[in-house]
């Protein structure tokens, strides 16, 4: 898998033995999610609780993305190009709603 391709989480994030927020990607590798250095244990627990609450919603979003890619891909727009178009369009759309993040 190329380094510039997005990694789909295979499971929800968990805390590892060192207290790091991690997840296993669909490529079988473990990924560490970077948190701000000022994050303490209580804030990390709050982040984990929020992420666990979002697991089902994430799965629904992921399924909708798969459906969108299947619908728009064609001889002229392969699966990889459809994925890049989806992610780029989502990023652009969300940046408009969250200008402070840009």
C-alpha atoms as a PDB file:
ATOM      1  CA  UNK A   1       0.000   0.000   0.000  1.00  0.00           C
ATOM      2  CA  UNK A   2       1.424   3.369  -0.997  1.00  0.00           C
ATOM      3  CA  UNK A   3       2.239   5.850   1.747  1.00  0.00           C
ATOM      4  CA  UNK A   4      -0.109   8.517   0.328  1.00  0.00           C
ATOM      5  CA  UNK A   5      -3.183   6.268   0.366  1.00  0.00           C
ATOM      6  CA  UNK A   6      -5.597   6.645   3.283  1.00  0.00           C
ATOM      7  CA  UNK A   7      -5.689   3.810   5.811  1.00  0.00           C
ATOM      8  CA  UNK A   8      -9.114   2.568   6.830  1.00  0.00           C
ATOM      9  CA  UNK A   9      -9.345   1.640  10.506  1.00  0.00           C
ATOM     10  CA  UNK A  10     -10.099  -2.064  10.923  1.00  0.00           C
ATOM     11  CA  UNK A  11     -11.387  -1.525  14.467  1.00  0.00           C
ATOM     12  CA  UNK A  12     -12.163   1.363  16.771  1.00  0.00           C
ATOM     13  CA  UNK A  13      -9.303   3.097  18.547  1.00  0.00           C
ATOM     14  CA  UNK A  14      -7.986   1.749  21.843  1.00  0.00           C
ATOM     15  CA  UNK A  15      -5.443   2.728  24.456  1.00  0.00           C
ATOM     16  CA  UNK A  16      -2.284   0.631  24.283  1.00  0.00           C
ATOM     17  CA  UNK A  17      -0.041  -0.365  27.201  1.00  0.00           C
ATOM     18  CA  UNK A  18       1.822   2.966  26.978  1.00  0.00           C
ATOM     19  CA  UNK A  19      -1.444   4.939  27.124  1.00  0.00           C
ATOM     20  CA  UNK A  20      -1.321   5.909  23.437  1.00  0.00           C
ATOM     21  CA  UNK A  21      -4.473   6.124  21.344  1.00  0.00           C
ATOM     22  CA  UNK A  22      -4.039   3.513  18.585  1.00  0.00           C
ATOM     23  CA  UNK A  23      -5.987   1.642  15.942  1.00  0.00           C
ATOM     24  CA  UNK A  24      -5.314  -1.256  13.582  1.00  0.00           C
ATOM     25  CA  UNK A  25      -5.570  -0.327   9.915  1.00  0.00           C
ATOM     26  CA  UNK A  26      -7.055  -2.488   7.189  1.00  0.00           C
ATOM     27  CA  UNK A  27      -3.450  -3.228   6.224  1.00  0.00           C
ATOM     28  CA  UNK A  28      -2.919  -4.993   9.598  1.00  0.00           C
ATOM     29  CA  UNK A  29      -0.499  -2.368  10.936  1.00  0.00           C
ATOM     30  CA  UNK A  30      -0.948  -0.492  14.221  1.00  0.00           C
ATOM     31  CA  UNK A  31      -1.262   3.295  13.977  1.00  0.00           C
ATOM     32  CA  UNK A  32      -0.757   5.781  16.799  1.00  0.00           C
ATOM     33  CA  UNK A  33      -3.087   8.763  16.777  1.00  0.00           C
ATOM     34  CA  UNK A  34      -1.307  11.958  17.732  1.00  0.00           C
ATOM     35  CA  UNK A  35      -2.877  13.915  20.554  1.00  0.00           C
ATOM     36  CA  UNK A  36      -1.806  17.335  21.779  1.00  0.00           C
ATOM     37  CA  UNK A  37       1.109  17.111  24.224  1.00  0.00           C
ATOM     38  CA  UNK A  38      -0.968  18.792  26.927  1.00  0.00           C
ATOM     39  CA  UNK A  39      -3.530  15.941  26.876  1.00  0.00           C
ATOM     40  CA  UNK A  40      -3.768  14.374  30.313  1.00  0.00           C
ATOM     41  CA  UNK A  41      -5.264  11.018  31.263  1.00  0.00           C
ATOM     42  CA  UNK A  42      -8.720  12.486  31.995  1.00  0.00           C
ATOM     43  CA  UNK A  43      -8.890  14.262  28.630  1.00  0.00           C
ATOM     44  CA  UNK A  44      -7.665  11.114  26.882  1.00  0.00           C
ATOM     45  CA  UNK A  45     -10.463   9.121  28.531  1.00  0.00           C
ATOM     46  CA  UNK A  46     -12.987  11.724  27.333  1.00  0.00           C
ATOM     47  CA  UNK A  47     -11.599  11.484  23.788  1.00  0.00           C
ATOM     48  CA  UNK A  48     -11.867   7.675  23.919  1.00  0.00           C
ATOM     49  CA  UNK A  49     -15.475   7.838  25.139  1.00  0.00           C
ATOM     50  CA  UNK A  50     -16.378  10.228  22.326  1.00  0.00           C
ATOM     51  CA  UNK A  51     -14.676   8.033  19.736  1.00  0.00           C
ATOM     52  CA  UNK A  52     -16.481   4.927  20.998  1.00  0.00           C
ATOM     53  CA  UNK A  53     -19.795   6.784  20.698  1.00  0.00           C
ATOM     54  CA  UNK A  54     -18.948   7.595  17.075  1.00  0.00           C
ATOM     55  CA  UNK A  55     -18.026   4.047  15.974  1.00  0.00           C
ATOM     56  CA  UNK A  56     -21.432   3.167  14.517  1.00  0.00           C
ATOM     57  CA  UNK A  57     -21.740   6.522  12.778  1.00  0.00           C
ATOM     58  CA  UNK A  58     -18.250   6.066  11.309  1.00  0.00           C
ATOM     59  CA  UNK A  59     -19.256   2.656   9.955  1.00  0.00           C
ATOM     60  CA  UNK A  60     -22.335   4.200   8.321  1.00  0.00           C
ATOM     61  CA  UNK A  61     -20.241   6.973   6.766  1.00  0.00           C
ATOM     62  CA  UNK A  62     -17.745   4.399   5.512  1.00  0.00           C
ATOM     63  CA  UNK A  63     -20.529   2.324   3.932  1.00  0.00           C
ATOM     64  CA  UNK A  64     -21.955   5.422   2.233  1.00  0.00           C
ATOM     65  CA  UNK A  65     -18.488   6.200   0.871  1.00  0.00           C
ATOM     66  CA  UNK A  66     -18.241   2.678  -0.571  1.00  0.00           C
ATOM     67  CA  UNK A  67     -21.663   3.122  -2.186  1.00  0.00           C
ATOM     68  CA  UNK A  68     -20.685   6.504  -3.657  1.00  0.00           C
ATOM     69  CA  UNK A  69     -17.432   5.149  -5.104  1.00  0.00           C
ATOM     70  CA  UNK A  70     -19.252   2.154  -6.615  1.00  0.00           C
ATOM     71  CA  UNK A  71     -21.829   4.452  -8.190  1.00  0.00           C
ATOM     72  CA  UNK A  72     -19.448   7.029  -9.733  1.00  0.00           C
ATOM     73  CA  UNK A  73     -16.550   4.858 -10.820  1.00  0.00           C
ATOM     74  CA  UNK A  74     -16.421   4.068 -14.502  1.00  0.00           C
ATOM     75  CA  UNK A  75     -14.031   3.436 -17.341  1.00  0.00           C
ATOM     76  CA  UNK A  76     -13.164   7.136 -17.166  1.00  0.00           C
ATOM     77  CA  UNK A  77     -12.963   7.356 -13.364  1.00  0.00           C
ATOM     78  CA  UNK A  78     -11.289   4.360 -11.731  1.00  0.00           C
ATOM     79  CA  UNK A  79     -11.789   3.367  -8.112  1.00  0.00           C
ATOM     80  CA  UNK A  80      -8.619   5.139  -6.892  1.00  0.00           C
ATOM     81  CA  UNK A  81      -9.527   8.379  -8.690  1.00  0.00           C
ATOM     82  CA  UNK A  82     -13.077   8.186  -7.288  1.00  0.00           C
ATOM     83  CA  UNK A  83     -11.660   7.813  -3.753  1.00  0.00           C
ATOM     84  CA  UNK A  84      -9.330  10.787  -4.210  1.00  0.00           C
ATOM     85  CA  UNK A  85     -12.199  12.854  -5.623  1.00  0.00           C
ATOM     86  CA  UNK A  86     -14.437  11.913  -2.686  1.00  0.00           C
ATOM     87  CA  UNK A  87     -11.842  12.774  -0.034  1.00  0.00           C
ATOM     88  CA  UNK A  88     -10.829  16.016  -1.732  1.00  0.00           C
ATOM     89  CA  UNK A  89     -14.435  17.096  -2.189  1.00  0.00           C
ATOM     90  CA  UNK A  90     -15.287  16.255   1.433  1.00  0.00           C
ATOM     91  CA  UNK A  91     -12.264  18.166   2.683  1.00  0.00           C
ATOM     92  CA  UNK A  92     -13.151  21.214   0.582  1.00  0.00           C
ATOM     93  CA  UNK A  93     -16.788  21.079   1.646  1.00  0.00           C
ATOM     94  CA  UNK A  94     -15.965  20.733   5.338  1.00  0.00           C
ATOM     95  CA  UNK A  95     -13.321  23.459   5.232  1.00  0.00           C
ATOM     96  CA  UNK A  96     -16.085  25.876   4.207  1.00  0.00           C
ATOM     97  CA  UNK A  97     -18.020  24.929   7.355  1.00  0.00           C
ATOM     98  CA  UNK A  98     -14.964  25.030   9.638  1.00  0.00           C
ATOM     99  CA  UNK A  99     -12.822  27.946   8.401  1.00  0.00           C
ATOM    100  CA  UNK A 100     -10.891  28.069  11.692  1.00  0.00           C
ATOM    101  CA  UNK A 101      -9.308  24.702  10.804  1.00  0.00           C
ATOM    102  CA  UNK A 102      -7.916  25.866   7.465  1.00  0.00           C
END
